[in-house]
């Protein structure tokens, strides 16, 4: 028998030494490609937001070159399509806040009650059925909600309030509240479930009832998540378009009476966008001024929600 050569050929040594390195490079290249792909997707969303802000600011500048910011923010008459023209945006802001306020008054108690039940009372089998059914409401098209408000809720309310106008803030606000219930309920329930079980067990050990544990232990511990859910739902109601455009009317009216017709900021944008307003006119630029103000309002709400979550988040 021929003795084995203790020294392998030089080409074999190079093959064995470079093969693992070549294998290691492939996962690194794949990970780098995935990283850049994900970064590109994130960058697209950021650039889209920046593009929207720049577009609104540039177009709104054409409006503010002819109308002062003070008149726009403090005026109480909004008649850009009629003579004499007035450009006070407060009637639109008031109508927006009125309907959003009614919506949050409906969604907050119902959504929190649903969240408490799902978090503290419902069995797992019941929760797995009820939570998806509740979230189905979020998938209903808003135009369906709008016609539901106009054809069902409004006649029902007019039987109680005979002097109510057909297009009114109350019916639009009530249906908007129904629409945002899943957001309040789902996000609040997630915040309550995140509360450690040890806090509940400690309260039960002291003789607390299930309702006392839910309201005096779980809810205070989850307050940052609950407030964030309410703020997100409120900003969603502020930005709603179809429900208010169909059910609330198109009359800029600075009022606190929910039985009257109003116009929101989003409904005005729809009205001008679908009309025959010539491009480049002052009336045309009003939609960008209103849109910019609406963007700033929702941005401030979201920033406040993030600050509140960071400020009052419980750490366990």
C-alpha atoms as a PDB file:
ATOM      1  CA  UNK A   1       0.000   0.000   0.000  1.00  0.00           C
ATOM      2  CA  UNK A   2       1.133   3.498  -0.833  1.00  0.00           C
ATOM      3  CA  UNK A   3       1.497   5.728   2.227  1.00  0.00           C
ATOM      4  CA  UNK A   4      -0.837   8.696   2.459  1.00  0.00           C
ATOM      5  CA  UNK A   5       0.693  12.007   1.605  1.00  0.00           C
ATOM      6  CA  UNK A   6       0.714  14.071   4.831  1.00  0.00           C
ATOM      7  CA  UNK A   7       0.947  17.293   2.840  1.00  0.00           C
ATOM      8  CA  UNK A   8      -2.170  17.880   0.671  1.00  0.00           C
ATOM      9  CA  UNK A   9      -1.775  19.632  -2.678  1.00  0.00           C
ATOM     10  CA  UNK A  10      -1.574  23.404  -2.672  1.00  0.00           C
ATOM     11  CA  UNK A  11      -4.746  23.796  -4.742  1.00  0.00           C
ATOM     12  CA  UNK A  12      -6.668  21.681  -2.212  1.00  0.00           C
ATOM     13  CA  UNK A  13      -5.540  23.944   0.621  1.00  0.00           C
ATOM     14  CA  UNK A  14      -6.706  27.021  -1.261  1.00  0.00           C
ATOM     15  CA  UNK A  15     -10.056  25.373  -2.004  1.00  0.00           C
ATOM     16  CA  UNK A  16     -10.684  24.468   1.614  1.00  0.00           C
ATOM     17  CA  UNK A  17      -9.597  27.878   2.895  1.00  0.00           C
ATOM     18  CA  UNK A  18     -11.665  30.000   0.510  1.00  0.00           C
ATOM     19  CA  UNK A  19     -14.857  27.951   0.347  1.00  0.00           C
ATOM     20  CA  UNK A  20     -16.170  28.887   3.850  1.00  0.00           C
ATOM     21  CA  UNK A  21     -15.354  32.530   3.188  1.00  0.00           C
ATOM     22  CA  UNK A  22     -17.312  32.417  -0.047  1.00  0.00           C
ATOM     23  CA  UNK A  23     -20.217  30.779   1.783  1.00  0.00           C
ATOM     24  CA  UNK A  24     -20.135  33.474   4.459  1.00  0.00           C
ATOM     25  CA  UNK A  25     -20.288  36.260   1.865  1.00  0.00           C
ATOM     26  CA  UNK A  26     -23.576  35.069   0.425  1.00  0.00           C
ATOM     27  CA  UNK A  27     -25.678  35.607   3.601  1.00  0.00           C
ATOM     28  CA  UNK A  28     -23.983  38.965   4.130  1.00  0.00           C
ATOM     29  CA  UNK A  29     -24.894  40.115   0.632  1.00  0.00           C
ATOM     30  CA  UNK A  30     -28.433  38.839   1.079  1.00  0.00           C
ATOM     31  CA  UNK A  31     -28.804  40.648   4.413  1.00  0.00           C
ATOM     32  CA  UNK A  32     -27.404  43.850   2.919  1.00  0.00           C
ATOM     33  CA  UNK A  33     -29.862  43.659   0.031  1.00  0.00           C
ATOM     34  CA  UNK A  34     -32.788  43.129   2.396  1.00  0.00           C
ATOM     35  CA  UNK A  35     -31.604  46.011   4.598  1.00  0.00           C
ATOM     36  CA  UNK A  36     -31.425  48.416   1.659  1.00  0.00           C
ATOM     37  CA  UNK A  37     -34.801  47.232   0.378  1.00  0.00           C
ATOM     38  CA  UNK A  38     -36.458  47.861   3.744  1.00  0.00           C
ATOM     39  CA  UNK A  39     -34.703  51.214   4.039  1.00  0.00           C
ATOM     40  CA  UNK A  40     -36.010  52.164   0.601  1.00  0.00           C
ATOM     41  CA  UNK A  41     -39.567  51.281   1.612  1.00  0.00           C
ATOM     42  CA  UNK A  42     -39.271  53.393   4.757  1.00  0.00           C
ATOM     43  CA  UNK A  43     -37.735  56.234   2.760  1.00  0.00           C
ATOM     44  CA  UNK A  44     -40.645  56.185   0.302  1.00  0.00           C
ATOM     45  CA  UNK A  45     -43.143  56.764   3.116  1.00  0.00           C
ATOM     46  CA  UNK A  46     -41.048  59.588   4.570  1.00  0.00           C
ATOM     47  CA  UNK A  47     -40.568  61.264   1.202  1.00  0.00           C
ATOM     48  CA  UNK A  48     -44.283  60.938   0.469  1.00  0.00           C
ATOM     49  CA  UNK A  49     -45.116  62.774   3.689  1.00  0.00           C
ATOM     50  CA  UNK A  50     -42.532  65.453   2.939  1.00  0.00           C
ATOM     51  CA  UNK A  51     -43.927  65.817  -0.583  1.00  0.00           C
ATOM     52  CA  UNK A  52     -47.459  66.292   0.733  1.00  0.00           C
ATOM     53  CA  UNK A  53     -46.312  68.960   3.186  1.00  0.00           C
ATOM     54  CA  UNK A  54     -44.295  70.796   0.537  1.00  0.00           C
ATOM     55  CA  UNK A  55     -47.175  70.677  -1.948  1.00  0.00           C
ATOM     56  CA  UNK A  56     -49.635  72.036   0.623  1.00  0.00           C
ATOM     57  CA  UNK A  57     -47.244  74.777   1.715  1.00  0.00           C
ATOM     58  CA  UNK A  58     -46.398  75.897  -1.827  1.00  0.00           C
ATOM     59  CA  UNK A  59     -50.019  75.964  -2.974  1.00  0.00           C
ATOM     60  CA  UNK A  60     -51.233  77.593   0.251  1.00  0.00           C
ATOM     61  CA  UNK A  61     -48.665  80.360  -0.244  1.00  0.00           C
ATOM     62  CA  UNK A  62     -50.713  81.509  -3.245  1.00  0.00           C
ATOM     63  CA  UNK A  63     -53.666  81.981  -0.904  1.00  0.00           C
ATOM     64  CA  UNK A  64     -51.792  83.747   1.872  1.00  0.00           C
ATOM     65  CA  UNK A  65     -50.262  86.219  -0.580  1.00  0.00           C
ATOM     66  CA  UNK A  66     -53.772  87.640  -0.991  1.00  0.00           C
ATOM     67  CA  UNK A  67     -55.360  86.899   2.400  1.00  0.00           C
ATOM     68  CA  UNK A  68     -53.662  87.565   5.720  1.00  0.00           C
ATOM     69  CA  UNK A  69     -53.065  84.714   8.138  1.00  0.00           C
ATOM     70  CA  UNK A  70     -54.791  86.702  10.897  1.00  0.00           C
ATOM     71  CA  UNK A  71     -57.968  87.099   8.863  1.00  0.00           C
ATOM     72  CA  UNK A  72     -57.882  83.431   7.924  1.00  0.00           C
ATOM     73  CA  UNK A  73     -57.496  82.178  11.494  1.00  0.00           C
ATOM     74  CA  UNK A  74     -59.768  84.638  13.304  1.00  0.00           C
ATOM     75  CA  UNK A  75     -62.554  85.427  10.823  1.00  0.00           C
ATOM     76  CA  UNK A  76     -66.023  84.061  11.588  1.00  0.00           C
ATOM     77  CA  UNK A  77     -67.425  84.137   8.052  1.00  0.00           C
ATOM     78  CA  UNK A  78     -66.430  81.739   5.285  1.00  0.00           C
ATOM     79  CA  UNK A  79     -67.888  82.718   1.904  1.00  0.00           C
ATOM     80  CA  UNK A  80     -65.097  82.381  -0.686  1.00  0.00           C
ATOM     81  CA  UNK A  81     -67.554  81.486  -3.464  1.00  0.00           C
ATOM     82  CA  UNK A  82     -69.935  84.425  -2.944  1.00  0.00           C
ATOM     83  CA  UNK A  83     -69.756  88.206  -2.937  1.00  0.00           C
ATOM     84  CA  UNK A  84     -68.641  89.758  -0.692  1.00  0.00           C
ATOM     85  CA  UNK A  85     -65.924  87.206  -0.069  1.00  0.00           C
ATOM     86  CA  UNK A  86     -64.901  86.341   3.482  1.00  0.00           C
ATOM     87  CA  UNK A  87     -62.069  83.980   4.352  1.00  0.00           C
ATOM     88  CA  UNK A  88     -62.461  83.308   8.070  1.00  0.00           C
ATOM     89  CA  UNK A  89     -61.917  79.584   8.575  1.00  0.00           C
ATOM     90  CA  UNK A  90     -63.433  79.373  12.073  1.00  0.00           C
ATOM     91  CA  UNK A  91     -66.839  78.105  10.824  1.00  0.00           C
ATOM     92  CA  UNK A  92     -65.115  75.158   9.153  1.00  0.00           C
ATOM     93  CA  UNK A  93     -62.928  74.493  12.189  1.00  0.00           C
ATOM     94  CA  UNK A  94     -65.953  74.747  14.476  1.00  0.00           C
ATOM     95  CA  UNK A  95     -67.954  72.295  12.370  1.00  0.00           C
ATOM     96  CA  UNK A  96     -65.022  69.870  12.304  1.00  0.00           C
ATOM     97  CA  UNK A  97     -64.518  69.978  16.066  1.00  0.00           C
ATOM     98  CA  UNK A  98     -68.266  69.742  16.737  1.00  0.00           C
ATOM     99  CA  UNK A  99     -68.734  66.519  14.789  1.00  0.00           C
ATOM    100  CA  UNK A 100     -65.453  65.073  16.092  1.00  0.00           C
ATOM    101  CA  UNK A 101     -66.465  65.940  19.661  1.00  0.00           C
ATOM    102  CA  UNK A 102     -69.808  64.170  19.274  1.00  0.00           C
ATOM    103  CA  UNK A 103     -68.000  61.179  17.794  1.00  0.00           C
ATOM    104  CA  UNK A 104     -65.539  60.860  20.661  1.00  0.00           C
ATOM    105  CA  UNK A 105     -68.359  61.228  23.219  1.00  0.00           C
ATOM    106  CA  UNK A 106     -69.992  58.196  21.601  1.00  0.00           C
ATOM    107  CA  UNK A 107     -66.861  56.129  21.010  1.00  0.00           C
ATOM    108  CA  UNK A 108     -65.095  56.705  24.331  1.00  0.00           C
ATOM    109  CA  UNK A 109     -67.577  55.087  26.766  1.00  0.00           C
ATOM    110  CA  UNK A 110     -68.600  52.308  24.390  1.00  0.00           C
ATOM    111  CA  UNK A 111     -65.030  51.572  23.329  1.00  0.00           C
ATOM    112  CA  UNK A 112     -63.674  51.551  26.895  1.00  0.00           C
ATOM    113  CA  UNK A 113     -66.529  49.348  28.105  1.00  0.00           C
ATOM    114  CA  UNK A 114     -65.816  46.921  25.279  1.00  0.00           C
ATOM    115  CA  UNK A 115     -62.098  46.961  26.072  1.00  0.00           C
ATOM    116  CA  UNK A 116     -62.720  46.275  29.775  1.00  0.00           C
ATOM    117  CA  UNK A 117     -64.989  43.351  28.947  1.00  0.00           C
ATOM    118  CA  UNK A 118     -62.570  41.830  26.439  1.00  0.00           C
ATOM    119  CA  UNK A 119     -59.586  42.317  28.738  1.00  0.00           C
ATOM    120  CA  UNK A 120     -60.987  41.407  32.154  1.00  0.00           C
ATOM    121  CA  UNK A 121     -64.234  39.487  31.759  1.00  0.00           C
ATOM    122  CA  UNK A 122     -64.355  37.595  28.463  1.00  0.00           C
ATOM    123  CA  UNK A 123     -62.956  34.085  28.124  1.00  0.00           C
ATOM    124  CA  UNK A 124     -60.314  33.494  25.476  1.00  0.00           C
ATOM    125  CA  UNK A 125     -62.787  31.702  23.220  1.00  0.00           C
ATOM    126  CA  UNK A 126     -65.229  34.613  23.461  1.00  0.00           C
ATOM    127  CA  UNK A 127     -62.465  37.176  22.886  1.00  0.00           C
ATOM    128  CA  UNK A 128     -61.282  35.408  19.751  1.00  0.00           C
ATOM    129  CA  UNK A 129     -64.790  35.740  18.315  1.00  0.00           C
ATOM    130  CA  UNK A 130     -65.896  39.172  19.558  1.00  0.00           C
ATOM    131  CA  UNK A 131     -62.740  41.160  18.846  1.00  0.00           C
ATOM    132  CA  UNK A 132     -62.615  40.370  15.097  1.00  0.00           C
ATOM    133  CA  UNK A 133     -66.350  41.006  14.834  1.00  0.00           C
ATOM    134  CA  UNK A 134     -65.907  44.403  16.491  1.00  0.00           C
ATOM    135  CA  UNK A 135     -63.013  45.274  14.202  1.00  0.00           C
ATOM    136  CA  UNK A 136     -65.166  44.527  11.151  1.00  0.00           C
ATOM    137  CA  UNK A 137     -66.756  47.949  11.747  1.00  0.00           C
ATOM    138  CA  UNK A 138     -63.423  49.535  10.821  1.00  0.00           C
ATOM    139  CA  UNK A 139     -63.560  47.888   7.408  1.00  0.00           C
ATOM    140  CA  UNK A 140     -66.966  49.228   6.398  1.00  0.00           C
ATOM    141  CA  UNK A 141     -66.588  51.924   3.680  1.00  0.00           C
ATOM    142  CA  UNK A 142     -67.223  55.390   5.046  1.00  0.00           C
ATOM    143  CA  UNK A 143     -69.627  56.188   2.203  1.00  0.00           C
ATOM    144  CA  UNK A 144     -71.848  53.414   3.582  1.00  0.00           C
ATOM    145  CA  UNK A 145     -71.696  55.050   6.998  1.00  0.00           C
ATOM    146  CA  UNK A 146     -72.605  58.372   5.405  1.00  0.00           C
ATOM    147  CA  UNK A 147     -75.754  57.105   3.739  1.00  0.00           C
ATOM    148  CA  UNK A 148     -76.623  55.150   6.885  1.00  0.00           C
ATOM    149  CA  UNK A 149     -76.512  58.443   8.787  1.00  0.00           C
ATOM    150  CA  UNK A 150     -78.594  60.253   6.166  1.00  0.00           C
ATOM    151  CA  UNK A 151     -81.257  57.609   5.496  1.00  0.00           C
ATOM    152  CA  UNK A 152     -81.608  55.910   8.885  1.00  0.00           C
ATOM    153  CA  UNK A 153     -80.137  57.919  11.759  1.00  0.00           C
ATOM    154  CA  UNK A 154     -81.424  61.321  10.632  1.00  0.00           C
ATOM    155  CA  UNK A 155     -85.100  60.225  10.256  1.00  0.00           C
ATOM    156  CA  UNK A 156     -84.828  58.518  13.639  1.00  0.00           C
ATOM    157  CA  UNK A 157     -83.499  61.682  15.269  1.00  0.00           C
ATOM    158  CA  UNK A 158     -86.083  63.874  13.550  1.00  0.00           C
ATOM    159  CA  UNK A 159     -88.807  61.851  15.236  1.00  0.00           C
ATOM    160  CA  UNK A 160     -87.291  63.018  18.541  1.00  0.00           C
ATOM    161  CA  UNK A 161     -86.253  66.533  17.431  1.00  0.00           C
ATOM    162  CA  UNK A 162     -88.895  67.751  14.934  1.00  0.00           C
ATOM    163  CA  UNK A 163     -87.030  71.015  14.280  1.00  0.00           C
ATOM    164  CA  UNK A 164     -83.854  69.236  13.224  1.00  0.00           C
ATOM    165  CA  UNK A 165     -82.531  70.042   9.748  1.00  0.00           C
ATOM    166  CA  UNK A 166     -82.081  67.085   7.399  1.00  0.00           C
ATOM    167  CA  UNK A 167     -78.351  67.746   7.102  1.00  0.00           C
ATOM    168  CA  UNK A 168     -77.058  68.185  10.648  1.00  0.00           C
ATOM    169  CA  UNK A 169     -74.005  67.663  12.813  1.00  0.00           C
ATOM    170  CA  UNK A 170     -75.635  65.286  15.292  1.00  0.00           C
ATOM    171  CA  UNK A 171     -76.344  62.392  12.948  1.00  0.00           C
ATOM    172  CA  UNK A 172     -72.923  62.711  11.310  1.00  0.00           C
ATOM    173  CA  UNK A 173     -71.188  62.801  14.699  1.00  0.00           C
ATOM    174  CA  UNK A 174     -73.095  59.805  16.051  1.00  0.00           C
ATOM    175  CA  UNK A 175     -72.258  57.641  13.055  1.00  0.00           C
ATOM    176  CA  UNK A 176     -68.627  58.791  13.125  1.00  0.00           C
ATOM    177  CA  UNK A 177     -68.556  57.696  16.757  1.00  0.00           C
ATOM    178  CA  UNK A 178     -69.763  54.242  15.735  1.00  0.00           C
ATOM    179  CA  UNK A 179     -67.060  54.139  13.079  1.00  0.00           C
ATOM    180  CA  UNK A 180     -64.178  54.844  15.496  1.00  0.00           C
ATOM    181  CA  UNK A 181     -65.369  52.505  18.276  1.00  0.00           C
ATOM    182  CA  UNK A 182     -63.124  49.663  17.011  1.00  0.00           C
ATOM    183  CA  UNK A 183     -60.065  51.923  17.176  1.00  0.00           C
ATOM    184  CA  UNK A 184     -60.741  52.960  20.776  1.00  0.00           C
ATOM    185  CA  UNK A 185     -61.687  49.441  21.836  1.00  0.00           C
ATOM    186  CA  UNK A 186     -58.872  47.537  20.152  1.00  0.00           C
ATOM    187  CA  UNK A 187     -56.030  49.865  21.143  1.00  0.00           C
ATOM    188  CA  UNK A 188     -57.331  50.251  24.708  1.00  0.00           C
ATOM    189  CA  UNK A 189     -57.729  46.496  25.081  1.00  0.00           C
ATOM    190  CA  UNK A 190     -54.162  45.962  23.880  1.00  0.00           C
ATOM    191  CA  UNK A 191     -52.938  48.448  26.501  1.00  0.00           C
ATOM    192  CA  UNK A 192     -54.916  46.707  29.254  1.00  0.00           C
ATOM    193  CA  UNK A 193     -53.707  43.240  28.293  1.00  0.00           C
ATOM    194  CA  UNK A 194     -50.115  44.516  28.541  1.00  0.00           C
ATOM    195  CA  UNK A 195     -50.572  45.279  32.268  1.00  0.00           C
ATOM    196  CA  UNK A 196     -48.696  42.595  34.261  1.00  0.00           C
ATOM    197  CA  UNK A 197     -50.776  39.840  35.791  1.00  0.00           C
ATOM    198  CA  UNK A 198     -49.007  40.359  39.112  1.00  0.00           C
ATOM    199  CA  UNK A 199     -50.807  43.684  39.633  1.00  0.00           C
ATOM    200  CA  UNK A 200     -54.165  41.991  39.183  1.00  0.00           C
ATOM    201  CA  UNK A 201     -53.248  39.141  41.521  1.00  0.00           C
ATOM    202  CA  UNK A 202     -52.089  41.593  44.180  1.00  0.00           C
ATOM    203  CA  UNK A 203     -55.407  43.463  44.008  1.00  0.00           C
ATOM    204  CA  UNK A 204     -57.391  40.226  44.156  1.00  0.00           C
ATOM    205  CA  UNK A 205     -55.328  39.208  47.167  1.00  0.00           C
ATOM    206  CA  UNK A 206     -56.458  42.381  48.940  1.00  0.00           C
ATOM    207  CA  UNK A 207     -60.106  41.468  48.347  1.00  0.00           C
ATOM    208  CA  UNK A 208     -60.841  43.681  45.334  1.00  0.00           C
ATOM    209  CA  UNK A 209     -63.646  42.723  42.985  1.00  0.00           C
ATOM    210  CA  UNK A 210     -63.103  42.204  39.281  1.00  0.00           C
ATOM    211  CA  UNK A 211     -64.667  45.594  38.477  1.00  0.00           C
ATOM    212  CA  UNK A 212     -62.462  47.315  41.057  1.00  0.00           C
ATOM    213  CA  UNK A 213     -59.386  45.650  39.605  1.00  0.00           C
ATOM    214  CA  UNK A 214     -60.367  46.771  36.106  1.00  0.00           C
ATOM    215  CA  UNK A 215     -61.140  50.392  37.024  1.00  0.00           C
ATOM    216  CA  UNK A 216     -58.660  51.053  39.851  1.00  0.00           C
ATOM    217  CA  UNK A 217     -55.670  48.950  38.866  1.00  0.00           C
ATOM    218  CA  UNK A 218     -55.691  48.042  35.178  1.00  0.00           C
ATOM    219  CA  UNK A 219     -57.018  51.283  33.702  1.00  0.00           C
ATOM    220  CA  UNK A 220     -54.653  53.580  35.665  1.00  0.00           C
ATOM    221  CA  UNK A 221     -51.736  51.352  34.686  1.00  0.00           C
ATOM    222  CA  UNK A 222     -52.790  51.463  31.021  1.00  0.00           C
ATOM    223  CA  UNK A 223     -53.757  55.144  30.962  1.00  0.00           C
ATOM    224  CA  UNK A 224     -51.048  56.132  28.477  1.00  0.00           C
ATOM    225  CA  UNK A 225     -52.242  53.588  25.921  1.00  0.00           C
ATOM    226  CA  UNK A 226     -55.892  54.481  26.489  1.00  0.00           C
ATOM    227  CA  UNK A 227     -55.259  58.205  25.998  1.00  0.00           C
ATOM    228  CA  UNK A 228     -53.211  57.484  22.886  1.00  0.00           C
ATOM    229  CA  UNK A 229     -56.097  55.410  21.506  1.00  0.00           C
ATOM    230  CA  UNK A 230     -58.555  58.243  22.150  1.00  0.00           C
ATOM    231  CA  UNK A 231     -56.292  60.832  20.505  1.00  0.00           C
ATOM    232  CA  UNK A 232     -55.786  58.639  17.441  1.00  0.00           C
ATOM    233  CA  UNK A 233     -59.532  58.088  17.213  1.00  0.00           C
ATOM    234  CA  UNK A 234     -60.136  61.833  17.549  1.00  0.00           C
ATOM    235  CA  UNK A 235     -57.663  62.643  14.782  1.00  0.00           C
ATOM    236  CA  UNK A 236     -59.364  59.996  12.646  1.00  0.00           C
ATOM    237  CA  UNK A 237     -62.708  61.708  13.235  1.00  0.00           C
ATOM    238  CA  UNK A 238     -61.242  65.132  12.443  1.00  0.00           C
ATOM    239  CA  UNK A 239     -59.984  63.851   9.099  1.00  0.00           C
ATOM    240  CA  UNK A 240     -63.162  61.980   8.134  1.00  0.00           C
ATOM    241  CA  UNK A 241     -64.653  63.110   4.820  1.00  0.00           C
ATOM    242  CA  UNK A 242     -67.511  61.083   3.370  1.00  0.00           C
ATOM    243  CA  UNK A 243     -69.758  60.862   6.440  1.00  0.00           C
ATOM    244  CA  UNK A 244     -69.760  64.611   7.049  1.00  0.00           C
ATOM    245  CA  UNK A 245     -69.955  65.437   3.347  1.00  0.00           C
ATOM    246  CA  UNK A 246     -73.106  63.318   2.991  1.00  0.00           C
ATOM    247  CA  UNK A 247     -74.867  63.805   6.327  1.00  0.00           C
ATOM    248  CA  UNK A 248     -73.687  67.103   7.854  1.00  0.00           C
ATOM    249  CA  UNK A 249     -74.382  69.486   4.982  1.00  0.00           C
ATOM    250  CA  UNK A 250     -72.390  72.171   3.208  1.00  0.00           C
ATOM    251  CA  UNK A 251     -73.260  75.321   5.152  1.00  0.00           C
ATOM    252  CA  UNK A 252     -70.295  76.973   6.914  1.00  0.00           C
ATOM    253  CA  UNK A 253     -71.921  77.753  10.226  1.00  0.00           C
ATOM    254  CA  UNK A 254     -70.153  78.681  13.459  1.00  0.00           C
ATOM    255  CA  UNK A 255     -72.500  77.098  15.987  1.00  0.00           C
ATOM    256  CA  UNK A 256     -72.582  74.751  18.959  1.00  0.00           C
ATOM    257  CA  UNK A 257     -76.061  73.487  18.103  1.00  0.00           C
ATOM    258  CA  UNK A 258     -75.692  69.923  16.748  1.00  0.00           C
ATOM    259  CA  UNK A 259     -79.180  70.065  15.213  1.00  0.00           C
ATOM    260  CA  UNK A 260     -78.070  72.635  12.635  1.00  0.00           C
ATOM    261  CA  UNK A 261     -76.323  72.129   9.323  1.00  0.00           C
ATOM    262  CA  UNK A 262     -72.562  72.664   9.305  1.00  0.00           C
ATOM    263  CA  UNK A 263     -69.611  72.157   7.009  1.00  0.00           C
ATOM    264  CA  UNK A 264     -66.320  70.605   8.002  1.00  0.00           C
ATOM    265  CA  UNK A 265     -62.891  71.293   6.587  1.00  0.00           C
ATOM    266  CA  UNK A 266     -62.770  68.011   4.690  1.00  0.00           C
ATOM    267  CA  UNK A 267     -66.274  68.478   3.280  1.00  0.00           C
ATOM    268  CA  UNK A 268     -65.292  71.903   1.933  1.00  0.00           C
ATOM    269  CA  UNK A 269     -62.236  70.432   0.217  1.00  0.00           C
ATOM    270  CA  UNK A 270     -64.458  67.839  -1.452  1.00  0.00           C
ATOM    271  CA  UNK A 271     -66.956  70.508  -2.517  1.00  0.00           C
ATOM    272  CA  UNK A 272     -64.317  72.640  -4.234  1.00  0.00           C
ATOM    273  CA  UNK A 273     -62.453  69.672  -5.702  1.00  0.00           C
ATOM    274  CA  UNK A 274     -65.596  68.362  -7.398  1.00  0.00           C
ATOM    275  CA  UNK A 275     -66.816  71.783  -8.511  1.00  0.00           C
ATOM    276  CA  UNK A 276     -65.892  73.992 -11.432  1.00  0.00           C
ATOM    277  CA  UNK A 277     -63.539  76.359  -9.644  1.00  0.00           C
ATOM    278  CA  UNK A 278     -60.893  77.548 -12.141  1.00  0.00           C
ATOM    279  CA  UNK A 279     -57.329  76.463 -11.479  1.00  0.00           C
ATOM    280  CA  UNK A 280     -55.061  79.165 -10.094  1.00  0.00           C
ATOM    281  CA  UNK A 281     -57.816  81.387  -8.683  1.00  0.00           C
ATOM    282  CA  UNK A 282     -58.046  82.511  -5.080  1.00  0.00           C
ATOM    283  CA  UNK A 283     -61.032  80.222  -4.564  1.00  0.00           C
ATOM    284  CA  UNK A 284     -58.951  77.302  -5.816  1.00  0.00           C
ATOM    285  CA  UNK A 285     -56.097  78.043  -3.409  1.00  0.00           C
ATOM    286  CA  UNK A 286     -58.473  77.973  -0.436  1.00  0.00           C
ATOM    287  CA  UNK A 287     -58.530  74.160  -0.458  1.00  0.00           C
ATOM    288  CA  UNK A 288     -54.768  74.072   0.110  1.00  0.00           C
ATOM    289  CA  UNK A 289     -54.943  76.602   2.933  1.00  0.00           C
ATOM    290  CA  UNK A 290     -57.683  74.583   4.610  1.00  0.00           C
ATOM    291  CA  UNK A 291     -55.799  71.343   3.949  1.00  0.00           C
ATOM    292  CA  UNK A 292     -52.611  72.742   5.460  1.00  0.00           C
ATOM    293  CA  UNK A 293     -54.464  73.834   8.589  1.00  0.00           C
ATOM    294  CA  UNK A 294     -56.104  70.406   8.850  1.00  0.00           C
ATOM    295  CA  UNK A 295     -52.709  68.731   8.517  1.00  0.00           C
ATOM    296  CA  UNK A 296     -51.267  70.916  11.278  1.00  0.00           C
ATOM    297  CA  UNK A 297     -54.217  70.146  13.573  1.00  0.00           C
ATOM    298  CA  UNK A 298     -53.890  66.379  13.186  1.00  0.00           C
ATOM    299  CA  UNK A 299     -50.098  66.595  13.482  1.00  0.00           C
ATOM    300  CA  UNK A 300     -50.385  68.445  16.794  1.00  0.00           C
ATOM    301  CA  UNK A 301     -52.855  65.848  18.070  1.00  0.00           C
ATOM    302  CA  UNK A 302     -50.517  63.005  17.182  1.00  0.00           C
ATOM    303  CA  UNK A 303     -47.507  64.771  18.712  1.00  0.00           C
ATOM    304  CA  UNK A 304     -49.453  65.342  21.917  1.00  0.00           C
ATOM    305  CA  UNK A 305     -50.439  61.673  21.973  1.00  0.00           C
ATOM    306  CA  UNK A 306     -46.819  60.560  21.573  1.00  0.00           C
ATOM    307  CA  UNK A 307     -45.681  62.973  24.297  1.00  0.00           C
ATOM    308  CA  UNK A 308     -48.381  61.734  26.659  1.00  0.00           C
ATOM    309  CA  UNK A 309     -47.442  58.101  26.052  1.00  0.00           C
ATOM    310  CA  UNK A 310     -43.765  58.793  26.779  1.00  0.00           C
ATOM    311  CA  UNK A 311     -44.583  60.926  29.810  1.00  0.00           C
ATOM    312  CA  UNK A 312     -47.011  58.576  31.554  1.00  0.00           C
ATOM    313  CA  UNK A 313     -45.958  55.141  30.298  1.00  0.00           C
ATOM    314  CA  UNK A 314     -45.605  52.657  33.139  1.00  0.00           C
ATOM    315  CA  UNK A 315     -42.397  50.633  33.180  1.00  0.00           C
ATOM    316  CA  UNK A 316     -42.460  47.192  34.762  1.00  0.00           C
END
